[in-house]
């Protein structure tokens, strides 16, 4: 199953840790998969997302940055 949720993050980022916790909970509840991408591994992602991590994508579209709304994520995955 292809993950519907992508979390772009950085190691040691407290907002990323909070976002990951919300995403893990919602994906566990909904049976969806997610993937986490560390932006520091790719210079193009560093340039694109440095000031916005964590950034969440759902179905290939940007969904949230900095904070993940559990309610909004659940709604997006229900579509």
Protein backbone atom coordinates (compact mmCIF):
# COMPACT_ATOMS: atom_id res chain seq x y z
CA UNK A 1 0.00 0.00 0.00
CA UNK A 2 1.37 3.38 -1.04
CA UNK A 3 1.54 5.84 1.89
CA UNK A 4 -1.01 8.64 1.58
CA UNK A 5 0.76 10.81 4.17
CA UNK A 6 4.30 12.17 3.90
CA UNK A 7 5.97 13.98 6.78
CA UNK A 8 8.98 16.13 5.88
CA UNK A 9 11.00 16.67 9.04
CA UNK A 10 14.39 17.10 10.68
CA UNK A 11 16.00 15.09 13.47
CA UNK A 12 15.82 16.87 16.82
CA UNK A 13 12.91 19.10 15.81
CA UNK A 14 10.33 19.25 18.63
CA UNK A 15 7.51 20.32 16.29
CA UNK A 16 8.41 17.36 14.06
CA UNK A 17 8.10 15.04 17.05
CA UNK A 18 4.65 16.45 17.84
CA UNK A 19 3.57 16.15 14.19
CA UNK A 20 4.82 12.56 14.03
CA UNK A 21 2.80 11.63 17.12
CA UNK A 22 -0.41 13.02 15.59
CA UNK A 23 0.26 11.36 12.22
CA UNK A 24 1.07 8.00 13.85
CA UNK A 25 -2.14 8.11 15.89
CA UNK A 26 -4.37 9.09 12.98
CA UNK A 27 -2.79 6.60 10.57
CA UNK A 28 -3.09 3.80 13.14
CA UNK A 29 -6.77 4.64 13.65
CA UNK A 30 -7.55 4.90 9.93
CA UNK A 31 -5.37 2.07 8.65
CA UNK A 32 -3.41 4.46 6.42
CA UNK A 33 0.34 4.39 5.92
CA UNK A 34 2.76 7.29 6.21
CA UNK A 35 6.38 7.88 5.32
CA UNK A 36 8.81 10.28 6.96
CA UNK A 37 11.45 12.07 4.89
CA UNK A 38 14.33 13.85 6.60
CA UNK A 39 14.95 17.02 4.59
CA UNK A 40 18.60 17.23 5.65
CA UNK A 41 19.30 14.23 3.37
CA UNK A 42 18.42 16.25 0.24
CA UNK A 43 19.74 19.78 -0.51
CA UNK A 44 16.68 20.58 -2.65
CA UNK A 45 14.34 19.71 0.24
CA UNK A 46 16.45 21.78 2.65
CA UNK A 47 16.12 24.77 0.32
CA UNK A 48 12.38 24.24 -0.09
CA UNK A 49 11.29 23.42 3.49
CA UNK A 50 13.95 24.81 5.88
CA UNK A 51 11.67 27.39 7.48
CA UNK A 52 8.48 25.29 7.42
CA UNK A 53 9.30 21.86 8.90
CA UNK A 54 7.47 19.84 9.76
CA UNK A 55 5.54 19.80 6.51
CA UNK A 56 2.76 17.28 5.91
CA UNK A 57 1.51 16.14 2.51
CA UNK A 58 -1.64 14.08 1.93
CA UNK A 59 -2.10 12.38 -1.44
CA UNK A 60 0.76 14.42 -2.89
CA UNK A 61 -0.66 17.82 -1.88
CA UNK A 62 0.69 20.04 0.91
CA UNK A 63 -1.63 19.74 3.87
CA UNK A 64 -0.02 21.45 6.88
CA UNK A 65 3.24 22.93 8.08
CA UNK A 66 4.64 23.59 11.57
CA UNK A 67 1.66 21.94 13.30
CA UNK A 68 -0.57 19.07 12.27
CA UNK A 69 -4.27 19.36 13.05
CA UNK A 70 -5.55 15.93 13.96
CA UNK A 71 -9.09 16.88 12.92
CA UNK A 72 -8.00 18.24 9.51
CA UNK A 73 -5.82 15.19 8.88
CA UNK A 74 -8.67 12.82 9.69
CA UNK A 75 -10.97 14.76 7.35
CA UNK A 76 -8.42 14.67 4.54
CA UNK A 77 -7.92 10.93 4.89
CA UNK A 78 -11.68 10.31 4.92
CA UNK A 79 -11.98 11.74 1.39
